[in-house]
Amino acid sequence: MAPAADPESVRQAKIRAGIKDYSDRVLSGEELDKLLDRAQPAFKAMILLGVNCGLGPADIGRLRWEMIDMKSGRMDFPRPKTG
C-alpha cells in the first residue's frame, strides 16, 4: 500500500524524519527582493506569479500564453480546483 500523501501526513512524516517544515513560513519583502535579484528571468516570472497571483507550481505548469492579456496585464485562468 502506498503511503498517505495528504499534506498533514507528509508534514508528520517530515517531523518524524527530523526534517524542518517550512510550509507555513511567509517570506518578508526583503527576502523576496533577494530572490528576485538572483533569479534567472524564467524563475523571476514564476516567483512573481506565485506572489502576485497566488499560483502554485502546478498552476504555472497549466498556464498558457492565450490565458494572459499582456496589454491589460490581466490573466484569465480558471483554476482546476476552485474554478
Protein backbone atom coordinates (compact mmCIF):
# COMPACT_ATOMS: atom_id res chain seq x y z
CA MET A 1 0.00 0.00 0.00
CA ALA A 2 1.29 3.47 -0.91
CA PRO A 3 2.00 5.93 1.92
CA ALA A 4 -0.53 8.69 2.59
CA ALA A 5 0.24 11.79 0.53
CA ASP A 6 -2.16 14.31 2.05
CA PRO A 7 -0.47 17.47 3.41
CA GLU A 8 -0.91 16.56 7.08
CA SER A 9 0.59 13.08 6.62
CA VAL A 10 3.54 14.49 4.68
CA ARG A 11 4.10 17.10 7.42
CA GLN A 12 4.06 14.42 10.12
CA ALA A 13 6.43 12.18 8.15
CA LYS A 14 8.89 15.07 7.82
CA ILE A 15 8.74 15.73 11.55
CA ARG A 16 9.38 12.04 12.31
CA ALA A 17 12.35 12.08 9.91
CA GLY A 18 13.77 15.20 11.60
CA ILE A 19 13.28 17.40 8.53
CA LYS A 20 12.38 21.00 9.36
CA ASP A 21 8.97 22.01 8.00
CA TYR A 22 8.92 25.38 6.23
CA SER A 23 5.46 25.03 4.68
CA ASP A 24 3.86 27.69 6.92
CA ARG A 25 6.72 30.16 6.52
CA VAL A 26 5.96 33.52 4.88
CA LEU A 27 8.83 35.37 3.21
CA SER A 28 9.50 39.00 4.01
CA GLY A 29 9.67 41.64 1.29
CA GLU A 30 13.43 41.82 1.76
CA GLU A 31 13.77 38.06 1.26
CA LEU A 32 11.63 38.23 -1.90
CA ASP A 33 13.78 41.05 -3.24
CA LYS A 34 16.90 38.92 -2.71
CA LEU A 35 15.31 36.00 -4.55
CA LEU A 36 14.22 38.22 -7.44
CA ASP A 37 17.66 39.86 -7.70
CA ARG A 38 19.36 36.48 -8.08
CA ALA A 39 16.74 34.64 -10.16
CA GLN A 40 17.03 33.98 -13.87
CA PRO A 41 14.21 35.57 -15.93
CA ALA A 42 12.05 32.41 -16.12
CA PHE A 43 12.28 31.83 -12.37
CA LYS A 44 11.68 35.52 -11.68
CA ALA A 45 8.42 35.22 -13.62
CA MET A 46 7.43 32.11 -11.63
CA ILE A 47 8.16 33.85 -8.31
CA LEU A 48 6.07 36.86 -9.33
CA LEU A 49 3.18 34.65 -10.49
CA GLY A 50 3.24 32.88 -7.16
CA VAL A 51 3.39 36.07 -5.09
CA ASN A 52 1.08 38.31 -7.11
CA CYS A 53 -1.42 35.78 -8.47
CA GLY A 54 -1.37 33.08 -5.82
CA LEU A 55 -0.37 30.43 -8.33
CA GLY A 56 1.46 27.29 -7.29
CA PRO A 57 3.83 25.17 -9.38
CA ALA A 58 1.03 23.03 -10.86
CA ASP A 59 -0.98 26.15 -11.79
CA ILE A 60 2.05 27.67 -13.50
CA GLY A 61 2.58 24.42 -15.41
CA ARG A 62 -1.01 24.57 -16.72
CA LEU A 63 -0.82 28.25 -17.68
CA ARG A 64 -0.91 29.01 -21.43
CA TRP A 65 0.01 32.20 -23.30
CA GLU A 66 -3.56 32.69 -24.55
CA MET A 67 -4.68 32.98 -20.91
CA ILE A 68 -2.59 36.14 -20.40
CA ASP A 69 -3.50 39.56 -21.82
CA MET A 70 -0.19 41.42 -21.85
CA LYS A 71 -1.80 44.74 -22.85
CA SER A 72 -4.19 44.91 -19.91
CA GLY A 73 -2.00 42.94 -17.52
CA ARG A 74 -4.83 40.52 -16.77
CA MET A 75 -4.95 36.77 -16.63
CA ASP A 76 -7.95 34.55 -17.45
CA PHE A 77 -7.11 31.30 -15.70
CA PRO A 78 -9.94 29.37 -14.08
CA ARG A 79 -8.07 27.18 -11.60
CA PRO A 80 -8.98 23.49 -11.90
CA LYS A 81 -9.51 23.03 -8.15
CA THR A 82 -11.75 26.05 -7.50
CA GLY A 83 -12.80 27.22 -10.96
